[in-house]
Amino acid sequence: MNSISLIEQIQSAIRSLGWDGWLLYDFRGCNPLARTVLKLHEHPAGSRRWFYYIPAHGSPTRLVHAIETEALASLPGTQRVYRDWRTLQQYLRETLTPGQTIAMEYSPLANNPYVSRIDAGTVELVRACGVQIASSGDLIQQFEACLSPQQWAQHLAADQVTTAAFALAWEFIRTRTADSGTVSEAEVQQRILQHFAENEMVTYSPPIVARQPHNRLPHYETGTGSDTAIRKGDLVLIDLWCKSQLPEGIYSDLTRMGYVGTEIPREYASVFAVVAAARDAGIALVHQRFAEQLPLQGWEVDHAVRHVIEEAGFGDYFLHRTGHSLGAEVHGNGAHLDDLEMHEERRILPRSLFTIEPGIYLESFGIRSEVDVYVDEFLQVHVTGGPAQTTIHSIHG
């Protein structure tokens, strides 16, 4: 994609939202979203402020400092060079039209920290030009969180590896725990990482392998020591993620539960049933809204999933959001499924990928189930990660 076609796509997106323009800003890499959207991530961040204004119609404007005139040279538009703060403010006033609505990486009341990248002073400066500022959250999604066909194919390739990793891990645990043996969490973790390497997959951090009570900690870091030895009678949570080494690599991120033994204890099975029902309620809502071609905001999925867990009496033990955007990073920049940590008002868009992963974390054990969900360009909903886990996997020999 060359810069002209990129700008045309951005302008079309601005018009579709009824806005007059998009003002992108960066200072020493403070706004990675702007740098990614404009394909500047491979360029040095520089040391001076720049603004790039893309109007809904017409030619963009580059506003750069005199000692860094090449900062936006790869982008089309008229260039204006400032040397002092007075000129910077003057050029901003001349670039922006009072009364218009423009998008920036801003979130009202800092509700969405993934989007809120512009400091309060810069927001004040821009508002002083007489414009209204709208959050660019849904604009960002269109250029950061909507997968190409090649990226979707790369997610499916990663999904095959992650799905296979569970069977490998359960068998590794079964073999090592036979005849009253044990295997450490770290050994299982290393076996999974070996599997990733064998399949030319990478991960930004190692998977979580957690026996009880460690699995009551949603972000437990797999450790070492006698209390990490997995043995018969243990409940094991495995949360793993990886992607292809190719530039278009997209993560797969899945969580499943296993029990070392033949008969799943009732307390484990009953809690898992609630988690699975909550997960499925979220999936069902996504299916319903897109089948009806109705908008769906991230908070609504979280609300539907959380309602199931609250009705079962475990509301205080669901400690995190329902899911997150998934892309080239495990936690991407698209809409998250969240009405807990923030009120996610961004819409789930066609061609977006995200996780649904409710969990219940009690004092003595925790249970989570995670699948990945993709909405394609035809509004068809795909759940990846193999068939969603309906019962805790029994690990026995």
Protein backbone atom coordinates (compact mmCIF):
# COMPACT_ATOMS: atom_id res chain seq x y z
CA MET A 1 0.00 0.00 0.00
CA ASN A 2 1.53 3.37 -1.01
CA SER A 3 0.99 6.53 1.01
CA ILE A 4 -1.56 8.05 -1.40
CA SER A 5 -3.86 5.03 -1.26
CA LEU A 6 -3.46 4.95 2.51
CA ILE A 7 -4.54 8.58 2.78
CA GLU A 8 -7.53 7.94 0.52
CA GLN A 9 -8.60 5.08 2.76
CA ILE A 10 -8.22 7.21 5.87
CA GLN A 11 -10.24 10.04 4.32
CA SER A 12 -13.01 7.62 3.39
CA ALA A 13 -13.07 6.34 6.97
CA ILE A 14 -13.19 9.92 8.35
CA ARG A 15 -16.16 10.74 6.12
CA SER A 16 -17.98 7.54 7.12
CA LEU A 17 -17.91 8.73 10.73
CA GLY A 18 -19.15 12.20 9.83
CA TRP A 19 -16.01 14.04 10.95
CA ASP A 20 -14.05 16.78 9.25
CA GLY A 21 -10.51 15.49 9.73
CA TRP A 22 -7.96 13.56 11.78
CA LEU A 23 -5.11 15.32 13.52
CA LEU A 24 -2.26 12.92 14.27
CA TYR A 25 0.44 14.03 16.68
CA ASP A 26 3.65 12.65 18.12
CA PHE A 27 6.46 13.75 20.40
CA ARG A 28 9.37 11.37 20.94
CA GLY A 29 7.25 8.30 20.26
CA CYS A 30 4.48 9.19 22.73
CA ASN A 31 1.82 8.17 20.20
CA PRO A 32 2.64 4.74 18.76
CA LEU A 33 -0.86 4.50 17.26
CA ALA A 34 -0.22 7.49 15.00
CA ARG A 35 3.16 6.14 14.00
CA THR A 36 1.71 2.74 13.13
CA VAL A 37 -1.25 4.07 11.16
CA LEU A 38 1.06 6.32 9.11
CA LYS A 39 3.57 3.48 8.57
CA LEU A 40 6.28 5.37 10.47
CA HIS A 41 7.13 2.60 12.94
CA GLU A 42 10.42 1.85 11.17
CA HIS A 43 11.48 5.52 11.21
CA PRO A 44 13.20 7.09 14.23
CA ALA A 45 10.79 8.90 16.52
CA GLY A 46 12.73 12.15 16.44
CA SER A 47 13.00 14.74 19.19
CA ARG A 48 10.54 17.45 18.15
CA ARG A 49 6.76 17.64 17.95
CA TRP A 50 5.00 17.01 14.67
CA PHE A 51 1.36 17.19 13.55
CA TYR A 52 -0.15 15.59 10.48
CA TYR A 53 -3.62 16.77 9.56
CA ILE A 54 -5.72 14.66 7.22
CA PRO A 55 -8.92 16.49 6.19
CA ALA A 56 -11.98 14.54 5.09
CA HIS A 57 -11.48 16.15 1.67
CA GLY A 58 -8.39 17.68 0.15
CA SER A 59 -4.66 17.55 0.73
CA PRO A 60 -3.08 16.77 4.15
CA THR A 61 -0.79 19.16 6.00
CA ARG A 62 2.57 18.25 7.53
CA LEU A 63 3.64 20.46 10.44
CA VAL A 64 7.27 19.76 11.39
CA HIS A 65 10.16 21.43 13.19
CA ALA A 66 12.97 23.21 11.32
CA ILE A 67 15.64 20.77 12.50
CA GLU A 68 13.56 17.70 11.57
CA THR A 69 12.02 18.66 8.25
CA GLU A 70 12.19 15.05 6.99
CA ALA A 71 10.12 13.65 9.87
CA LEU A 72 7.03 13.15 7.67
CA ALA A 73 8.71 13.16 4.26
CA SER A 74 7.21 9.77 3.34
CA LEU A 75 3.69 11.23 3.54
CA PRO A 76 1.87 13.40 0.98
CA GLY A 77 0.67 16.93 1.62
CA THR A 78 1.70 20.53 2.09
CA GLN A 79 4.58 21.02 4.50
CA ARG A 80 4.79 23.87 6.99
CA VAL A 81 7.96 24.25 9.03
CA TYR A 82 7.93 25.90 12.45
CA ARG A 83 10.91 27.05 14.47
CA ASP A 84 9.34 28.45 17.65
CA TRP A 85 6.22 27.77 19.72
CA ARG A 86 4.44 30.90 18.50
CA THR A 87 4.71 29.77 14.89
CA LEU A 88 3.61 26.25 15.83
CA GLN A 89 0.43 27.59 17.40
CA GLN A 90 -0.18 29.98 14.49
CA TYR A 91 0.14 27.18 11.93
CA LEU A 92 -2.23 24.98 13.92
CA ARG A 93 -4.84 27.77 13.93
CA GLU A 94 -4.39 28.24 10.19
CA THR A 95 -4.64 24.50 9.50
CA LEU A 96 -7.78 23.85 11.54
CA THR A 97 -11.18 25.41 10.86
CA PRO A 98 -13.21 26.63 13.86
CA GLY A 99 -16.44 24.73 14.35
CA GLN A 100 -15.22 21.52 12.79
CA THR A 101 -14.96 18.13 14.51
CA ILE A 102 -11.62 16.38 14.26
CA ALA A 103 -10.38 13.06 15.58
CA MET A 104 -7.38 12.64 17.87
CA GLU A 105 -5.98 9.85 20.03
CA TYR A 106 -8.07 11.06 22.94
CA SER A 107 -10.54 9.33 25.26
CA PRO A 108 -13.06 11.35 27.31
CA LEU A 109 -12.21 11.14 31.02
CA ALA A 110 -9.29 8.86 30.02
CA ASN A 111 -11.79 5.99 29.92
CA ASN A 112 -9.82 4.04 27.31
CA PRO A 113 -6.06 4.06 27.99
CA TYR A 114 -5.38 2.18 24.75
CA VAL A 115 -6.62 5.21 22.79
CA SER A 116 -5.72 8.02 25.22
CA ARG A 117 -2.28 9.02 23.92
CA ILE A 118 -2.52 12.81 23.67
CA ASP A 119 -1.57 14.81 26.77
CA ALA A 120 -4.06 17.24 28.30
CA GLY A 121 -2.04 20.30 27.32
CA THR A 122 -2.01 19.37 23.64
CA VAL A 123 -5.77 18.75 23.77
CA GLU A 124 -6.18 22.24 25.27
CA LEU A 125 -3.98 23.72 22.54
CA VAL A 126 -6.02 22.12 19.76
CA ARG A 127 -9.36 23.06 21.33
CA ALA A 128 -8.14 26.65 21.55
CA CYS A 129 -8.20 26.59 17.73
CA GLY A 130 -12.01 26.41 17.98
CA VAL A 131 -12.51 22.76 16.99
CA GLN A 132 -14.29 19.90 18.67
CA ILE A 133 -12.20 16.77 19.39
CA ALA A 134 -13.62 13.29 18.91
CA SER A 135 -11.95 10.06 19.97
CA SER A 136 -10.19 8.33 17.09
CA GLY A 137 -10.79 4.90 18.65
CA ASP A 138 -12.93 3.49 15.85
CA LEU A 139 -10.67 5.06 13.22
CA ILE A 140 -7.64 3.41 14.79
CA GLN A 141 -9.41 0.05 14.66
CA GLN A 142 -9.94 0.23 10.93
CA PHE A 143 -6.20 0.52 10.33
CA GLU A 144 -4.86 -1.41 13.33
CA ALA A 145 -7.33 -4.20 14.11
CA CYS A 146 -8.93 -5.32 10.84
CA LEU A 147 -7.12 -8.30 9.38
CA SER A 148 -6.16 -8.83 5.77
CA PRO A 149 -6.81 -12.26 4.21
CA GLN A 150 -3.11 -13.04 4.68
CA GLN A 151 -3.25 -12.14 8.36
CA TRP A 152 -6.36 -14.26 8.91
CA ALA A 153 -4.54 -17.18 7.27
CA GLN A 154 -1.58 -16.59 9.59
CA HIS A 155 -3.87 -16.66 12.62
CA LEU A 156 -5.25 -20.01 11.47
CA ALA A 157 -1.71 -21.33 11.07
CA ALA A 158 -0.87 -20.25 14.62
CA ASP A 159 -4.15 -21.74 15.83
CA GLN A 160 -3.13 -25.16 14.56
CA VAL A 161 0.07 -24.97 16.59
CA THR A 162 -1.56 -23.72 19.80
CA THR A 163 -4.36 -26.27 19.58
CA ALA A 164 -1.85 -29.09 19.07
CA ALA A 165 0.17 -27.82 22.03
CA PHE A 166 -2.56 -28.80 24.48
CA ALA A 167 -2.62 -32.45 23.40
CA LEU A 168 1.17 -32.48 23.62
CA ALA A 169 1.16 -30.88 27.08
CA TRP A 170 -1.51 -33.22 28.48
CA GLU A 171 0.39 -36.25 27.21
CA PHE A 172 3.65 -34.90 28.65
CA ILE A 173 1.96 -34.47 32.04
CA ARG A 174 0.32 -37.91 31.82
CA THR A 175 3.59 -39.65 31.10
CA ARG A 176 5.55 -37.83 33.81
CA THR A 177 2.91 -38.23 36.52
CA ALA A 178 2.28 -41.94 35.91
CA ASP A 179 3.03 -44.23 38.88
CA SER A 180 2.92 -41.34 41.39
CA GLY A 181 5.51 -39.28 39.50
CA THR A 182 5.60 -35.50 39.15
CA VAL A 183 6.44 -32.89 36.56
CA SER A 184 7.13 -29.23 37.27
CA GLU A 185 5.13 -26.39 35.80
CA ALA A 186 8.33 -25.07 34.23
CA GLU A 187 9.05 -28.39 32.50
CA VAL A 188 5.62 -28.34 30.87
CA GLN A 189 6.18 -24.73 29.89
CA GLN A 190 9.50 -25.58 28.25
CA ARG A 191 7.93 -28.48 26.37
CA ILE A 192 5.34 -26.10 24.91
CA LEU A 193 8.03 -23.58 23.94
CA GLN A 194 9.97 -26.38 22.24
CA HIS A 195 6.83 -27.20 20.26
CA PHE A 196 6.50 -23.56 19.20
CA ALA A 197 10.13 -23.46 18.05
CA GLU A 198 9.75 -26.71 16.11
CA ASN A 199 6.85 -25.10 14.23
CA GLU A 200 8.66 -21.79 13.65
CA MET A 201 6.38 -19.85 15.96
CA VAL A 202 7.36 -17.06 18.34
CA THR A 203 5.86 -15.58 21.48
CA TYR A 204 6.49 -12.36 23.38
CA SER A 205 6.45 -14.24 26.70
CA PRO A 206 6.27 -17.88 27.79
CA PRO A 207 2.93 -19.63 28.40
CA ILE A 208 1.29 -19.92 31.80
CA VAL A 209 1.27 -23.39 33.33
CA ALA A 210 -0.36 -23.30 36.75
CA ARG A 211 -1.48 -25.98 39.19
CA GLN A 212 -3.76 -25.09 42.08
CA PRO A 213 -3.65 -22.76 43.96
CA HIS A 214 -1.44 -20.85 41.49
CA ASN A 215 -4.22 -20.87 38.89
CA ARG A 216 -6.25 -18.55 41.13
CA LEU A 217 -3.89 -15.78 39.94
CA PRO A 218 -4.96 -14.69 36.41
CA HIS A 219 -1.44 -13.48 35.48
CA TYR A 220 0.54 -16.06 37.42
CA GLU A 221 4.12 -16.40 36.21
CA THR A 222 5.09 -20.06 36.03
CA GLY A 223 7.69 -20.66 38.70
CA THR A 224 9.98 -23.27 40.19
CA GLY A 225 10.16 -25.07 43.49
CA SER A 226 8.38 -27.91 45.28
CA ASP A 227 4.98 -26.18 45.15
CA THR A 228 5.10 -26.20 41.33
CA ALA A 229 5.26 -30.01 41.07
CA ILE A 230 2.20 -31.32 39.20
CA ARG A 231 0.96 -34.69 40.43
CA LYS A 232 -2.13 -36.86 40.49
CA GLY A 233 -5.15 -34.96 41.79
CA ASP A 234 -3.97 -31.56 40.50
CA LEU A 235 -6.00 -29.07 38.51
CA VAL A 236 -3.84 -27.53 35.75
CA LEU A 237 -4.48 -24.31 33.81
CA ILE A 238 -2.53 -23.76 30.58
CA ASP A 239 -2.73 -20.39 28.84
CA LEU A 240 -0.59 -20.19 25.70
CA TRP A 241 -0.12 -17.88 22.73
CA CYS A 242 2.11 -17.73 19.66
CA LYS A 243 2.32 -16.37 16.14
CA SER A 244 4.29 -16.95 12.94
CA GLN A 245 7.67 -15.33 12.50
CA LEU A 246 6.41 -13.82 9.22
CA PRO A 247 5.71 -10.06 9.13
CA GLU A 248 1.97 -10.70 8.82
CA GLY A 249 1.97 -13.09 11.78
CA ILE A 250 -1.14 -12.87 14.00
CA TYR A 251 -1.41 -14.43 17.43
CA SER A 252 -3.53 -17.33 18.58
CA ASP A 253 -4.26 -17.15 22.33
CA LEU A 254 -6.04 -20.01 24.11
CA THR A 255 -6.63 -21.32 27.63
CA ARG A 256 -7.74 -24.80 28.68
CA MET A 257 -8.06 -26.72 31.92
CA GLY A 258 -6.85 -30.25 32.74
CA TYR A 259 -7.15 -32.52 35.76
CA VAL A 260 -4.60 -35.22 36.58
CA GLY A 261 -6.92 -38.11 37.29
CA THR A 262 -9.92 -39.98 35.96
CA GLU A 263 -12.83 -38.42 37.86
CA ILE A 264 -13.10 -34.61 37.92
CA PRO A 265 -13.96 -33.40 41.45
CA ARG A 266 -17.44 -31.90 41.65
CA GLU A 267 -16.26 -28.47 42.83
CA TYR A 268 -13.98 -28.14 39.82
CA ALA A 269 -16.59 -29.42 37.36
CA SER A 270 -19.35 -27.13 38.66
CA VAL A 271 -17.22 -23.98 38.46
CA PHE A 272 -15.99 -24.90 35.00
CA ALA A 273 -19.61 -25.34 33.86
CA VAL A 274 -20.35 -21.74 34.89
CA VAL A 275 -17.26 -20.42 33.09
CA ALA A 276 -18.12 -22.36 29.92
CA ALA A 277 -21.73 -21.12 29.99
CA ALA A 278 -20.51 -17.54 30.37
CA ARG A 279 -18.05 -17.96 27.48
CA ASP A 280 -20.80 -19.38 25.28
CA ALA A 281 -23.16 -16.52 26.16
CA GLY A 282 -20.55 -14.10 24.83
CA ILE A 283 -20.11 -16.09 21.63
CA ALA A 284 -23.88 -16.26 21.17
CA LEU A 285 -24.24 -12.48 21.48
CA VAL A 286 -21.59 -11.91 18.81
CA HIS A 287 -23.37 -14.37 16.50
CA GLN A 288 -26.73 -12.71 17.13
CA ARG A 289 -25.68 -9.11 16.54
CA PHE A 290 -23.80 -9.80 13.33
CA ALA A 291 -26.54 -12.08 12.01
CA GLU A 292 -28.96 -9.18 12.56
CA GLN A 293 -26.39 -6.69 11.20
CA LEU A 294 -26.65 -4.60 14.35
CA PRO A 295 -23.77 -2.73 16.01
CA LEU A 296 -22.00 -4.35 18.95
CA GLN A 297 -19.80 -2.50 21.41
CA GLY A 298 -17.10 -4.24 23.41
CA TRP A 299 -18.71 -3.55 26.79
CA GLU A 300 -21.88 -5.39 25.76
CA VAL A 301 -20.11 -8.74 25.36
CA ASP A 302 -18.43 -8.31 28.72
CA HIS A 303 -21.80 -7.50 30.28
CA ALA A 304 -23.44 -10.61 28.81
CA VAL A 305 -20.63 -12.89 29.97
CA ARG A 306 -20.34 -11.31 33.42
CA HIS A 307 -24.10 -11.61 33.95
CA VAL A 308 -23.89 -15.42 33.76
CA ILE A 309 -21.11 -15.53 36.35
CA GLU A 310 -22.86 -13.05 38.64
CA GLU A 311 -26.11 -15.01 38.47
CA ALA A 312 -24.21 -18.11 39.59
CA GLY A 313 -22.92 -16.19 42.64
CA PHE A 314 -19.30 -15.80 41.49
CA GLY A 315 -19.33 -12.17 40.38
CA ASP A 316 -16.69 -11.07 42.89
CA TYR A 317 -14.35 -13.79 41.63
CA PHE A 318 -14.29 -12.73 37.97
CA LEU A 319 -11.34 -10.36 38.28
CA HIS A 320 -10.67 -9.17 34.73
CA ARG A 321 -12.35 -8.15 31.50
CA THR A 322 -13.93 -10.78 29.28
CA GLY A 323 -11.50 -10.47 26.40
CA HIS A 324 -9.06 -8.40 24.39
CA SER A 325 -8.26 -7.45 20.83
CA LEU A 326 -5.88 -9.93 19.21
CA GLY A 327 -3.46 -9.16 16.40
CA ALA A 328 0.26 -8.80 15.76
CA GLU A 329 0.42 -8.18 19.51
CA VAL A 330 -1.38 -10.40 22.01
CA HIS A 331 -3.18 -7.35 23.37
CA GLY A 332 -4.02 -5.47 20.21
CA ASN A 333 -5.42 -2.00 19.59
CA GLY A 334 -8.93 -2.99 18.59
CA ALA A 335 -12.04 -3.06 20.75
CA HIS A 336 -11.68 -5.05 23.97
CA LEU A 337 -14.55 -6.87 25.67
CA ASP A 338 -14.59 -4.76 28.79
CA ASP A 339 -17.13 -3.17 31.10
CA LEU A 340 -15.02 -3.71 34.22
CA GLU A 341 -11.63 -2.06 33.87
CA MET A 342 -13.09 0.48 31.43
CA HIS A 343 -16.35 1.05 29.56
CA GLU A 344 -15.33 -0.05 26.06
CA GLU A 345 -17.59 1.82 23.65
CA ARG A 346 -15.67 1.00 20.50
CA ARG A 347 -17.55 -1.22 18.11
CA ILE A 348 -16.49 -4.73 17.19
CA LEU A 349 -15.79 -4.36 13.49
CA PRO A 350 -15.88 -6.83 10.61
CA ARG A 351 -12.46 -8.44 10.07
CA SER A 352 -11.58 -8.07 13.77
CA LEU A 353 -10.17 -10.80 16.01
CA PHE A 354 -10.54 -10.99 19.77
CA THR A 355 -10.55 -13.38 22.71
CA ILE A 356 -13.42 -14.42 24.96
CA GLU A 357 -11.94 -15.69 28.22
CA PRO A 358 -14.02 -15.58 31.39
CA GLY A 359 -12.54 -16.93 34.60
CA ILE A 360 -13.49 -17.60 38.22
CA TYR A 361 -10.66 -17.31 40.75
CA LEU A 362 -11.42 -18.71 44.18
CA GLU A 363 -9.10 -18.89 47.19
CA SER A 364 -7.90 -22.42 46.50
CA PHE A 365 -8.13 -22.70 42.70
CA GLY A 366 -8.98 -20.79 39.52
CA ILE A 367 -10.61 -21.78 36.24
CA ARG A 368 -10.51 -19.98 32.90
CA SER A 369 -11.64 -20.92 29.39
CA GLU A 370 -10.41 -18.95 26.38
CA VAL A 371 -11.23 -19.07 22.68
CA ASP A 372 -10.51 -16.69 19.82
CA VAL A 373 -13.33 -15.16 17.76
CA TYR A 374 -13.09 -13.63 14.28
CA VAL A 375 -15.82 -11.76 12.41
CA ASP A 376 -15.13 -11.91 8.69
CA GLU A 377 -15.97 -9.34 6.01
CA PHE A 378 -19.25 -11.14 5.30
CA LEU A 379 -20.23 -10.86 9.01
CA GLN A 380 -19.74 -14.57 9.59
CA VAL A 381 -18.43 -15.42 13.07
CA HIS A 382 -15.60 -17.95 13.42
CA VAL A 383 -14.51 -19.46 16.75
CA THR A 384 -10.95 -20.78 16.59
CA GLY A 385 -9.02 -22.93 19.02
CA GLY A 386 -10.71 -26.19 18.15
CA PRO A 387 -14.11 -27.06 19.63
CA ALA A 388 -14.62 -24.94 22.74
CA GLN A 389 -13.79 -26.97 25.84
CA THR A 390 -17.03 -28.27 27.41
CA THR A 391 -15.48 -30.17 30.34
CA ILE A 392 -12.15 -30.20 32.10
CA HIS A 393 -9.76 -32.51 30.27
CA SER A 394 -9.03 -35.71 32.21
CA ILE A 395 -5.31 -36.54 32.18
CA HIS A 396 -4.93 -40.22 33.01
CA GLY A 397 -3.04 -43.27 31.87
